[in-house]
Amino acid sequence: IFNGNFMGWYRQAPGKQRELVAAIGSSGGYTAYADSV
């Protein structure tokens, strides 16, 4: 699952859809965040 893949942290609050919180590229050079965090 991990090797060579972008990875993300997601979250789901009660009664809400799952959302992306943060993402990172395969080498760590790329990162992205939800505005809220």
Full PDB file with SEQRES, HELIX, SHEET, SSBOND, CRYST1, ORIGX, SCALE, CONECT and MASTER records, all heavy atoms in Angstrom:
SEQRES   1 A   37  ILE PHE ASN GLY ASN PHE MET GLY TRP TYR ARG GLN ALA          
SEQRES   2 A   37  PRO GLY LYS GLN ARG GLU LEU VAL ALA ALA ILE GLY SER          
SEQRES   3 A   37  SER GLY GLY TYR THR ALA TYR ALA ASP SER VAL                  
SHEET    1 AA1 3 MET A   7  ARG A  11  0                                        
SHEET    2 AA1 3 GLU A  19  ILE A  24 -1                                        
SHEET    3 AA1 3 THR A  31  TYR A  33 -1                                        
CRYST1    1.000    1.000    1.000  90.00  90.00  90.00 P 1           1          
ORIGX1      1.000000  0.000000  0.000000        0.00000                         
ORIGX2      0.000000  1.000000  0.000000        0.00000                         
ORIGX3      0.000000  0.000000  1.000000        0.00000                         
SCALE1      1.000000  0.000000  0.000000        0.00000                         
SCALE2      0.000000  1.000000  0.000000        0.00000                         
SCALE3      0.000000  0.000000  1.000000        0.00000                         
ATOM      1  N   ILE A   1       0.835  -1.202   0.000  1.00  0.00           N  
ATOM      2  CA  ILE A   1       0.000   0.000   0.000  1.00  0.00           C  
ATOM      3  C   ILE A   1       0.868   1.250   0.000  1.00  0.00           C  
ATOM      4  O   ILE A   1       0.567   2.258  -0.634  1.00  0.00           O  
ATOM      5  CB  ILE A   1      -0.915   0.004   1.239  1.00  0.00           C  
ATOM      6  CG1 ILE A   1      -1.880  -1.180   1.193  1.00  0.00           C  
ATOM      7  CG2 ILE A   1      -1.676   1.321   1.352  1.00  0.00           C  
ATOM      8  CD1 ILE A   1      -2.832  -1.162   0.024  1.00  0.00           C  
ATOM      9  N   PHE A   2       1.943   1.209   0.727  1.00  0.00           N  
ATOM     10  CA  PHE A   2       2.740   2.398   1.011  1.00  0.00           C  
ATOM     11  C   PHE A   2       3.735   2.756  -0.083  1.00  0.00           C  
ATOM     12  O   PHE A   2       3.817   3.924  -0.505  1.00  0.00           O  
ATOM     13  CB  PHE A   2       3.484   2.169   2.340  1.00  0.00           C  
ATOM     14  CG  PHE A   2       4.219   3.355   2.853  1.00  0.00           C  
ATOM     15  CD1 PHE A   2       3.590   4.303   3.643  1.00  0.00           C  
ATOM     16  CD2 PHE A   2       5.572   3.524   2.565  1.00  0.00           C  
ATOM     17  CE1 PHE A   2       4.281   5.388   4.135  1.00  0.00           C  
ATOM     18  CE2 PHE A   2       6.272   4.613   3.042  1.00  0.00           C  
ATOM     19  CZ  PHE A   2       5.625   5.552   3.841  1.00  0.00           C  
ATOM     20  N   ASN A   3       4.476   1.778  -0.523  1.00  0.00           N  
ATOM     21  CA  ASN A   3       5.620   2.037  -1.400  1.00  0.00           C  
ATOM     22  C   ASN A   3       5.230   2.736  -2.697  1.00  0.00           C  
ATOM     23  O   ASN A   3       4.402   2.248  -3.456  1.00  0.00           O  
ATOM     24  CB  ASN A   3       6.343   0.728  -1.709  1.00  0.00           C  
ATOM     25  CG  ASN A   3       7.038   0.153  -0.498  1.00  0.00           C  
ATOM     26  OD1 ASN A   3       7.361   0.872   0.448  1.00  0.00           O  
ATOM     27  ND2 ASN A   3       7.251  -1.148  -0.496  1.00  0.00           N  
ATOM     28  N   GLY A   4       5.844   3.902  -2.907  1.00  0.00           N  
ATOM     29  CA  GLY A   4       5.645   4.629  -4.149  1.00  0.00           C  
ATOM     30  C   GLY A   4       4.332   5.364  -4.264  1.00  0.00           C  
ATOM     31  O   GLY A   4       4.066   5.994  -5.300  1.00  0.00           O  
ATOM     32  N   ASN A   5       3.498   5.315  -3.229  1.00  0.00           N  
ATOM     33  CA  ASN A   5       2.186   5.956  -3.305  1.00  0.00           C  
ATOM     34  C   ASN A   5       2.109   7.234  -2.496  1.00  0.00           C  
ATOM     35  O   ASN A   5       2.726   7.352  -1.445  1.00  0.00           O  
ATOM     36  CB  ASN A   5       1.105   5.000  -2.791  1.00  0.00           C  
ATOM     37  CG  ASN A   5       0.798   3.898  -3.776  1.00  0.00           C  
ATOM     38  OD1 ASN A   5       0.728   4.132  -4.983  1.00  0.00           O  
ATOM     39  ND2 ASN A   5       0.604   2.689  -3.276  1.00  0.00           N  
ATOM     40  N   PHE A   6       1.329   8.181  -3.012  1.00  0.00           N  
ATOM     41  CA  PHE A   6       0.931   9.310  -2.196  1.00  0.00           C  
ATOM     42  C   PHE A   6       0.047   8.754  -1.082  1.00  0.00           C  
ATOM     43  O   PHE A   6      -0.737   7.824  -1.307  1.00  0.00           O  
ATOM     44  CB  PHE A   6       0.144  10.320  -3.025  1.00  0.00           C  
ATOM     45  CG  PHE A   6       0.979  11.214  -3.907  1.00  0.00           C  
ATOM     46  CD1 PHE A   6       2.035  10.715  -4.648  1.00  0.00           C  
ATOM     47  CD2 PHE A   6       0.687  12.567  -3.994  1.00  0.00           C  
ATOM     48  CE1 PHE A   6       2.781  11.537  -5.467  1.00  0.00           C  
ATOM     49  CE2 PHE A   6       1.432  13.409  -4.818  1.00  0.00           C  
ATOM     50  CZ  PHE A   6       2.481  12.880  -5.551  1.00  0.00           C  
ATOM     51  N   MET A   7       0.157   9.349   0.090  1.00  0.00           N  
ATOM     52  CA  MET A   7      -0.652   8.920   1.221  1.00  0.00           C  
ATOM     53  C   MET A   7      -1.418  10.111   1.787  1.00  0.00           C  
ATOM     54  O   MET A   7      -0.994  11.263   1.648  1.00  0.00           O  
ATOM     55  CB  MET A   7       0.230   8.316   2.310  1.00  0.00           C  
ATOM     56  CG  MET A   7       0.968   7.051   1.898  1.00  0.00           C  
ATOM     57  SD  MET A   7      -0.130   5.654   1.536  1.00  0.00           S  
ATOM     58  CE  MET A   7      -0.854   5.355   3.160  1.00  0.00           C  
ATOM     59  N   GLY A   8      -2.526   9.808   2.420  1.00  0.00           N  
ATOM     60  CA  GLY A   8      -3.323  10.878   2.992  1.00  0.00           C  
ATOM     61  C   GLY A   8      -3.873  10.507   4.353  1.00  0.00           C  
ATOM     62  O   GLY A   8      -4.022   9.327   4.670  1.00  0.00           O  
ATOM     63  N   TRP A   9      -4.144  11.529   5.136  1.00  0.00           N  
ATOM     64  CA  TRP A   9      -4.908  11.372   6.364  1.00  0.00           C  
ATOM     65  C   TRP A   9      -6.311  11.907   6.085  1.00  0.00           C  
ATOM     66  O   TRP A   9      -6.475  12.993   5.517  1.00  0.00           O  
ATOM     67  CB  TRP A   9      -4.277  12.153   7.517  1.00  0.00           C  
ATOM     68  CG  TRP A   9      -3.134  11.447   8.155  1.00  0.00           C  
ATOM     69  CD1 TRP A   9      -1.801  11.637   7.942  1.00  0.00           C  
ATOM     70  CD2 TRP A   9      -3.221  10.420   9.150  1.00  0.00           C  
ATOM     71  NE1 TRP A   9      -1.059  10.794   8.719  1.00  0.00           N  
ATOM     72  CE2 TRP A   9      -1.912  10.036   9.480  1.00  0.00           C  
ATOM     73  CE3 TRP A   9      -4.281   9.784   9.802  1.00  0.00           C  
ATOM     74  CZ2 TRP A   9      -1.622   9.047  10.427  1.00  0.00           C  
ATOM     75  CZ3 TRP A   9      -4.004   8.802  10.738  1.00  0.00           C  
ATOM     76  CH2 TRP A   9      -2.678   8.449  11.043  1.00  0.00           C  
ATOM     77  N   TYR A  10      -7.281  11.147   6.487  1.00  0.00           N  
ATOM     78  CA  TYR A  10      -8.679  11.498   6.308  1.00  0.00           C  
ATOM     79  C   TYR A  10      -9.353  11.477   7.680  1.00  0.00           C  
ATOM     80  O   TYR A  10      -8.846  10.856   8.610  1.00  0.00           O  
ATOM     81  CB  TYR A  10      -9.378  10.483   5.405  1.00  0.00           C  
ATOM     82  CG  TYR A  10      -8.756  10.317   4.036  1.00  0.00           C  
ATOM     83  CD1 TYR A  10      -7.606   9.559   3.856  1.00  0.00           C  
ATOM     84  CD2 TYR A  10      -9.344  10.891   2.903  1.00  0.00           C  
ATOM     85  CE1 TYR A  10      -7.036   9.399   2.598  1.00  0.00           C  
ATOM     86  CE2 TYR A  10      -8.793  10.723   1.640  1.00  0.00           C  
ATOM     87  CZ  TYR A  10      -7.638   9.975   1.497  1.00  0.00           C  
ATOM     88  OH  TYR A  10      -7.083   9.812   0.253  1.00  0.00           O  
ATOM     89  N   ARG A  11     -10.503  12.130   7.773  1.00  0.00           N  
ATOM     90  CA  ARG A  11     -11.250  12.064   9.021  1.00  0.00           C  
ATOM     91  C   ARG A  11     -12.737  12.051   8.738  1.00  0.00           C  
ATOM     92  O   ARG A  11     -13.190  12.549   7.707  1.00  0.00           O  
ATOM     93  CB  ARG A  11     -10.899  13.224   9.942  1.00  0.00           C  
ATOM     94  CG  ARG A  11     -11.349  14.596   9.458  1.00  0.00           C  
ATOM     95  CD  ARG A  11     -10.835  15.681  10.401  1.00  0.00           C  
ATOM     96  NE  ARG A  11     -11.271  17.023   9.972  1.00  0.00           N  
ATOM     97  CZ  ARG A  11     -10.838  18.154  10.532  1.00  0.00           C  
ATOM     98  NH1 ARG A  11      -9.956  18.105  11.544  1.00  0.00           N  
ATOM     99  NH2 ARG A  11     -11.276  19.317  10.086  1.00  0.00           N  
ATOM    100  N   GLN A  12     -13.466  11.476   9.677  1.00  0.00           N  
ATOM    101  CA  GLN A  12     -14.919  11.433   9.572  1.00  0.00           C  
ATOM    102  C   GLN A  12     -15.519  11.753  10.920  1.00  0.00           C  
ATOM    103  O   GLN A  12     -15.309  11.017  11.886  1.00  0.00           O  
ATOM    104  CB  GLN A  12     -15.406  10.076   9.083  1.00  0.00           C  
ATOM    105  CG  GLN A  12     -16.898  10.041   8.801  1.00  0.00           C  
ATOM    106  CD  GLN A  12     -17.314   8.800   8.044  1.00  0.00           C  
ATOM    107  OE1 GLN A  12     -16.628   7.780   8.046  1.00  0.00           O  
ATOM    108  NE2 GLN A  12     -18.458   8.868   7.375  1.00  0.00           N  
ATOM    109  N   ALA A  13     -16.241  12.844  10.962  1.00  0.00           N  
ATOM    110  CA  ALA A  13     -16.949  13.245  12.174  1.00  0.00           C  
ATOM    111  C   ALA A  13     -18.348  12.642  12.151  1.00  0.00           C  
ATOM    112  O   ALA A  13     -18.878  12.322  11.080  1.00  0.00           O  
ATOM    113  CB  ALA A  13     -17.028  14.769  12.244  1.00  0.00           C  
ATOM    114  N   PRO A  14     -18.965  12.482  13.305  1.00  0.00           N  
ATOM    115  CA  PRO A  14     -20.321  11.908  13.355  1.00  0.00           C  
ATOM    116  C   PRO A  14     -21.297  12.664  12.471  1.00  0.00           C  
ATOM    117  O   PRO A  14     -21.376  13.895  12.521  1.00  0.00           O  
ATOM    118  CB  PRO A  14     -20.691  12.041  14.838  1.00  0.00           C  
ATOM    119  CG  PRO A  14     -19.390  12.050  15.547  1.00  0.00           C  
ATOM    120  CD  PRO A  14     -18.439  12.780  14.640  1.00  0.00           C  
ATOM    121  N   GLY A  15     -22.000  11.931  11.636  1.00  0.00           N  
ATOM    122  CA  GLY A  15     -22.998  12.538  10.778  1.00  0.00           C  
ATOM    123  C   GLY A  15     -22.455  13.265   9.571  1.00  0.00           C  
ATOM    124  O   GLY A  15     -23.213  13.898   8.833  1.00  0.00           O  
ATOM    125  N   LYS A  16     -21.150  13.183   9.361  1.00  0.00           N  
ATOM    126  CA  LYS A  16     -20.536  13.888   8.233  1.00  0.00           C  
ATOM    127  C   LYS A  16     -19.799  12.909   7.328  1.00  0.00           C  
ATOM    128  O   LYS A  16     -19.463  11.808   7.731  1.00  0.00           O  
ATOM    129  CB  LYS A  16     -19.570  14.955   8.736  1.00  0.00           C  
ATOM    130  CG  LYS A  16     -20.242  16.082   9.502  1.00  0.00           C  
ATOM    131  CD  LYS A  16     -19.254  17.185   9.826  1.00  0.00           C  
ATOM    132  CE  LYS A  16     -19.917  18.343  10.534  1.00  0.00           C  
ATOM    133  NZ  LYS A  16     -18.941  19.436  10.828  1.00  0.00           N  
ATOM    134  N   GLN A  17     -19.542  13.350   6.119  1.00  0.00           N  
ATOM    135  CA  GLN A  17     -18.787  12.527   5.181  1.00  0.00           C  
ATOM    136  C   GLN A  17     -17.306  12.542   5.532  1.00  0.00           C  
ATOM    137  O   GLN A  17     -16.787  13.491   6.133  1.00  0.00           O  
ATOM    138  CB  GLN A  17     -18.992  13.050   3.750  1.00  0.00           C  
ATOM    139  CG  GLN A  17     -20.371  12.781   3.192  1.00  0.00           C  
ATOM    140  CD  GLN A  17     -20.458  13.109   1.710  1.00  0.00           C  
ATOM    141  OE1 GLN A  17     -19.737  13.969   1.202  1.00  0.00           O  
ATOM    142  NE2 GLN A  17     -21.331  12.422   1.001  1.00  0.00           N  
ATOM    143  N   ARG A  18     -16.643  11.483   5.128  1.00  0.00           N  
ATOM    144  CA  ARG A  18     -15.203  11.425   5.318  1.00  0.00           C  
ATOM    145  C   ARG A  18     -14.547  12.499   4.437  1.00  0.00           C  
ATOM    146  O   ARG A  18     -14.953  12.703   3.299  1.00  0.00           O  
ATOM    147  CB  ARG A  18     -14.690  10.036   4.950  1.00  0.00           C  
ATOM    148  CG  ARG A  18     -13.242   9.784   5.303  1.00  0.00           C  
ATOM    149  CD  ARG A  18     -12.915   8.314   5.056  1.00  0.00           C  
ATOM    150  NE  ARG A  18     -13.465   7.451   6.079  1.00  0.00           N  
ATOM    151  CZ  ARG A  18     -13.958   6.238   5.842  1.00  0.00           C  
ATOM    152  NH1 ARG A  18     -13.985   5.764   4.619  1.00  0.00           N  
ATOM    153  NH2 ARG A  18     -14.422   5.501   6.835  1.00  0.00           N  
ATOM    154  N   GLU A  19     -13.540  13.164   4.988  1.00  0.00           N  
ATOM    155  CA  GLU A  19     -12.877  14.222   4.246  1.00  0.00           C  
ATOM    156  C   GLU A  19     -11.370  14.075   4.355  1.00  0.00           C  
ATOM    157  O   GLU A  19     -10.837  13.538   5.328  1.00  0.00           O  
ATOM    158  CB  GLU A  19     -13.288  15.600   4.795  1.00  0.00           C  
ATOM    159  CG  GLU A  19     -12.894  15.842   6.238  1.00  0.00           C  
ATOM    160  CD  GLU A  19     -13.217  17.248   6.720  1.00  0.00           C  
ATOM    161  OE1 GLU A  19     -13.638  18.095   5.905  1.00  0.00           O  
ATOM    162  OE2 GLU A  19     -13.012  17.516   7.926  1.00  0.00           O  
ATOM    163  N   LEU A  20     -10.688  14.616   3.344  1.00  0.00           N  
ATOM    164  CA  LEU A  20      -9.229  14.624   3.349  1.00  0.00           C  
ATOM    165  C   LEU A  20      -8.735  15.709   4.290  1.00  0.00           C  
ATOM    166  O   LEU A  20      -9.205  16.843   4.243  1.00  0.00           O  
ATOM    167  CB  LEU A  20      -8.694  14.868   1.949  1.00  0.00           C  
ATOM    168  CG  LEU A  20      -7.178  14.981   1.842  1.00  0.00           C  
ATOM    169  CD1 LEU A  20      -6.527  13.612   2.039  1.00  0.00           C  
ATOM    170  CD2 LEU A  20      -6.769  15.576   0.499  1.00  0.00           C  
ATOM    171  N   VAL A  21      -7.769  15.370   5.108  1.00  0.00           N  
ATOM    172  CA  VAL A  21      -7.157  16.341   6.017  1.00  0.00           C  
ATOM    173  C   VAL A  21      -5.814  16.799   5.477  1.00  0.00           C  
ATOM    174  O   VAL A  21      -5.517  17.994   5.445  1.00  0.00           O  
ATOM    175  CB  VAL A  21      -6.975  15.724   7.415  1.00  0.00           C  
ATOM    176  CG1 VAL A  21      -6.232  16.687   8.327  1.00  0.00           C  
ATOM    177  CG2 VAL A  21      -8.325  15.353   8.018  1.00  0.00           C  
ATOM    178  N   ALA A  22      -4.988  15.848   5.055  1.00  0.00           N  
ATOM    179  CA  ALA A  22      -3.645  16.169   4.577  1.00  0.00           C  
ATOM    180  C   ALA A  22      -3.163  15.056   3.666  1.00  0.00           C  
ATOM    181  O   ALA A  22      -3.576  13.909   3.803  1.00  0.00           O  
ATOM    182  CB  ALA A  22      -2.677  16.344   5.743  1.00  0.00           C  
ATOM    183  N   ALA A  23      -2.277  15.416   2.746  1.00  0.00           N  
ATOM    184  CA  ALA A  23      -1.716  14.443   1.812  1.00  0.00           C  
ATOM    185  C   ALA A  23      -0.221  14.679   1.667  1.00  0.00           C  
ATOM    186  O   ALA A  23       0.269  15.806   1.863  1.00  0.00           O  
ATOM    187  CB  ALA A  23      -2.393  14.543   0.450  1.00  0.00           C  
ATOM    188  N   ILE A  24       0.492  13.619   1.300  1.00  0.00           N  
ATOM    189  CA  ILE A  24       1.933  13.724   1.141  1.00  0.00           C  
ATOM    190  C   ILE A  24       2.368  12.868  -0.039  1.00  0.00           C  
ATOM    191  O   ILE A  24       1.843  11.771  -0.260  1.00  0.00           O  
ATOM    192  CB  ILE A  24       2.660  13.314   2.439  1.00  0.00           C  
ATOM    193  CG1 ILE A  24       4.150  13.612   2.353  1.00  0.00           C  
ATOM    194  CG2 ILE A  24       2.401  11.846   2.780  1.00  0.00           C  
ATOM    195  CD1 ILE A  24       4.862  13.555   3.701  1.00  0.00           C  
ATOM    196  N   GLY A  25       3.324  13.389  -0.806  1.00  0.00           N  
ATOM    197  CA  GLY A  25       3.827  12.665  -1.947  1.00  0.00           C  
ATOM    198  C   GLY A  25       4.684  11.471  -1.545  1.00  0.00           C  
ATOM    199  O   GLY A  25       5.038  11.297  -0.385  1.00  0.00           O  
ATOM    200  N   SER A  26       5.044  10.676  -2.525  1.00  0.00           N  
ATOM    201  CA  SER A  26       5.752   9.432  -2.249  1.00  0.00           C  
ATOM    202  C   SER A  26       7.139   9.658  -1.639  1.00  0.00           C  
ATOM    203  O   SER A  26       7.621   8.834  -0.861  1.00  0.00           O  
ATOM    204  CB  SER A  26       5.880   8.593  -3.521  1.00  0.00           C  
ATOM    205  OG  SER A  26       6.539   9.343  -4.538  1.00  0.00           O  
ATOM    206  N   SER A  27       7.760  10.781  -1.954  1.00  0.00           N  
ATOM    207  CA  SER A  27       9.074  11.084  -1.394  1.00  0.00           C  
ATOM    208  C   SER A  27       8.989  12.095  -0.257  1.00  0.00           C  
ATOM    209  O   SER A  27      10.005  12.426   0.356  1.00  0.00           O  
ATOM    210  CB  SER A  27      10.007  11.628  -2.474  1.00  0.00           C  
ATOM    211  OG  SER A  27       9.513  12.861  -2.972  1.00  0.00           O  
ATOM    212  N   GLY A  28       7.798  12.594  -0.003  1.00  0.00           N  
ATOM    213  CA  GLY A  28       7.621  13.591   1.051  1.00  0.00           C  
ATOM    214  C   GLY A  28       7.782  15.027   0.586  1.00  0.00           C  
ATOM    215  O   GLY A  28       7.564  15.955   1.363  1.00  0.00           O  
ATOM    216  N   GLY A  29       8.117  15.219  -0.674  1.00  0.00           N  
ATOM    217  CA  GLY A  29       8.353  16.570  -1.167  1.00  0.00           C  
ATOM    218  C   GLY A  29       7.089  17.366  -1.416  1.00  0.00           C  
ATOM    219  O   GLY A  29       7.111  18.592  -1.462  1.00  0.00           O  
ATOM    220  N   TYR A  30       5.993  16.679  -1.590  1.00  0.00           N  
ATOM    221  CA  TYR A  30       4.703  17.325  -1.814  1.00  0.00           C  
ATOM    222  C   TYR A  30       3.826  17.142  -0.591  1.00  0.00           C  
ATOM    223  O   TYR A  30       3.738  16.034  -0.053  1.00  0.00           O  
ATOM    224  CB  TYR A  30       4.016  16.689  -3.022  1.00  0.00           C  
ATOM    225  CG  TYR A  30       2.548  17.031  -3.150  1.00  0.00           C  
ATOM    226  CD1 TYR A  30       2.136  18.171  -3.826  1.00  0.00           C  
ATOM    227  CD2 TYR A  30       1.573  16.208  -2.594  1.00  0.00           C  
ATOM    228  CE1 TYR A  30       0.787  18.477  -3.943  1.00  0.00           C  
ATOM    229  CE2 TYR A  30       0.229  16.507  -2.700  1.00  0.00           C  
ATOM    230  CZ  TYR A  30      -0.159  17.645  -3.378  1.00  0.00           C  
ATOM    231  OH  TYR A  30      -1.485  17.946  -3.487  1.00  0.00           O  
ATOM    232  N   THR A  31       3.231  18.211  -0.128  1.00  0.00           N  
ATOM    233  CA  THR A  31       2.240  18.127   0.939  1.00  0.00           C  
ATOM    234  C   THR A  31       1.081  19.055   0.612  1.00  0.00           C  
ATOM    235  O   THR A  31       1.256  20.072  -0.079  1.00  0.00           O  
ATOM    236  CB  THR A  31       2.814  18.511   2.316  1.00  0.00           C  
ATOM    237  OG1 THR A  31       3.332  19.839   2.261  1.00  0.00           O  
ATOM    238  CG2 THR A  31       3.893  17.542   2.766  1.00  0.00           C  
ATOM    239  N   ALA A  32      -0.083  18.684   1.095  1.00  0.00           N  
ATOM    240  CA  ALA A  32      -1.271  19.500   0.903  1.00  0.00           C  
ATOM    241  C   ALA A  32      -2.166  19.337   2.123  1.00  0.00           C  
ATOM    242  O   ALA A  32      -2.164  18.268   2.751  1.00  0.00           O  
ATOM    243  CB  ALA A  32      -2.014  19.077  -0.358  1.00  0.00           C  
ATOM    244  N   TYR A  33      -2.913  20.408   2.426  1.00  0.00           N  
ATOM    245  CA  TYR A  33      -3.732  20.400   3.634  1.00  0.00           C  
ATOM    246  C   TYR A  33      -5.106  20.986   3.341  1.00  0.00           C  
ATOM    247  O   TYR A  33      -5.246  21.898   2.513  1.00  0.00           O  
ATOM    248  CB  TYR A  33      -3.065  21.233   4.729  1.00  0.00           C  
ATOM    249  CG  TYR A  33      -1.724  20.703   5.159  1.00  0.00           C  
ATOM    250  CD1 TYR A  33      -0.550  21.135   4.542  1.00  0.00           C  
ATOM    251  CD2 TYR A  33      -1.629  19.752   6.178  1.00  0.00           C  
ATOM    252  CE1 TYR A  33       0.680  20.634   4.916  1.00  0.00           C  
ATOM    253  CE2 TYR A  33      -0.398  19.252   6.567  1.00  0.00           C  
ATOM    254  CZ  TYR A  33       0.748  19.694   5.927  1.00  0.00           C  
ATOM    255  OH  TYR A  33       1.972  19.188   6.308  1.00  0.00           O  
ATOM    256  N   ALA A  34      -6.086  20.490   4.062  1.00  0.00           N  
ATOM    257  CA  ALA A  34      -7.399  21.118   4.042  1.00  0.00           C  
ATOM    258  C   ALA A  34      -7.272  22.508   4.663  1.00  0.00           C  
ATOM    259  O   ALA A  34      -6.460  22.724   5.571  1.00  0.00           O  
ATOM    260  CB  ALA A  34      -8.393  20.275   4.827  1.00  0.00           C  
ATOM    261  N   ASP A  35      -8.046  23.441   4.170  1.00  0.00           N  
ATOM    262  CA  ASP A  35      -7.973  24.814   4.684  1.00  0.00           C  
ATOM    263  C   ASP A  35      -8.184  24.864   6.193  1.00  0.00           C  
ATOM    264  O   ASP A  35      -7.583  25.682   6.888  1.00  0.00           O  
ATOM    265  CB  ASP A  35      -9.015  25.692   3.990  1.00  0.00           C  
ATOM    266  CG  ASP A  35      -8.642  26.009   2.549  1.00  0.00           C  
ATOM    267  OD1 ASP A  35      -7.468  25.818   2.181  1.00  0.00           O  
ATOM    268  OD2 ASP A  35      -9.537  26.445   1.795  1.00  0.00           O  
ATOM    269  N   SER A  36      -9.027  23.989   6.691  1.00  0.00           N  
ATOM    270  CA  SER A  36      -9.381  24.022   8.110  1.00  0.00           C  
ATOM    271  C   SER A  36      -8.222  23.641   9.030  1.00  0.00           C  
ATOM    272  O   SER A  36      -8.279  23.920  10.232  1.00  0.00           O  
ATOM    273  CB  SER A  36     -10.568  23.094   8.374  1.00  0.00           C  
ATOM    274  OG  SER A  36     -10.261  21.761   8.002  1.00  0.00           O  
ATOM    275  N   VAL A  37      -7.179  23.008   8.479  1.00  0.00           N  
ATOM    276  CA  VAL A  37      -6.081  22.564   9.345  1.00  0.00           C  
ATOM    277  C   VAL A  37      -4.745  23.204   8.972  1.00  0.00           C  
ATOM    278  O   VAL A  37      -3.738  22.965   9.647  1.00  0.00           O  
ATOM    279  CB  VAL A  37      -5.932  21.027   9.315  1.00  0.00           C  
ATOM    280  CG1 VAL A  37      -7.262  20.361   9.661  1.00  0.00           C  
ATOM    281  CG2 VAL A  37      -5.406  20.532   7.981  1.00  0.00           C  
TER     282      VAL A  37                                                      
MASTER        0    0    0    0    3    0    0    6  281    1    0    3          
END                                                                             
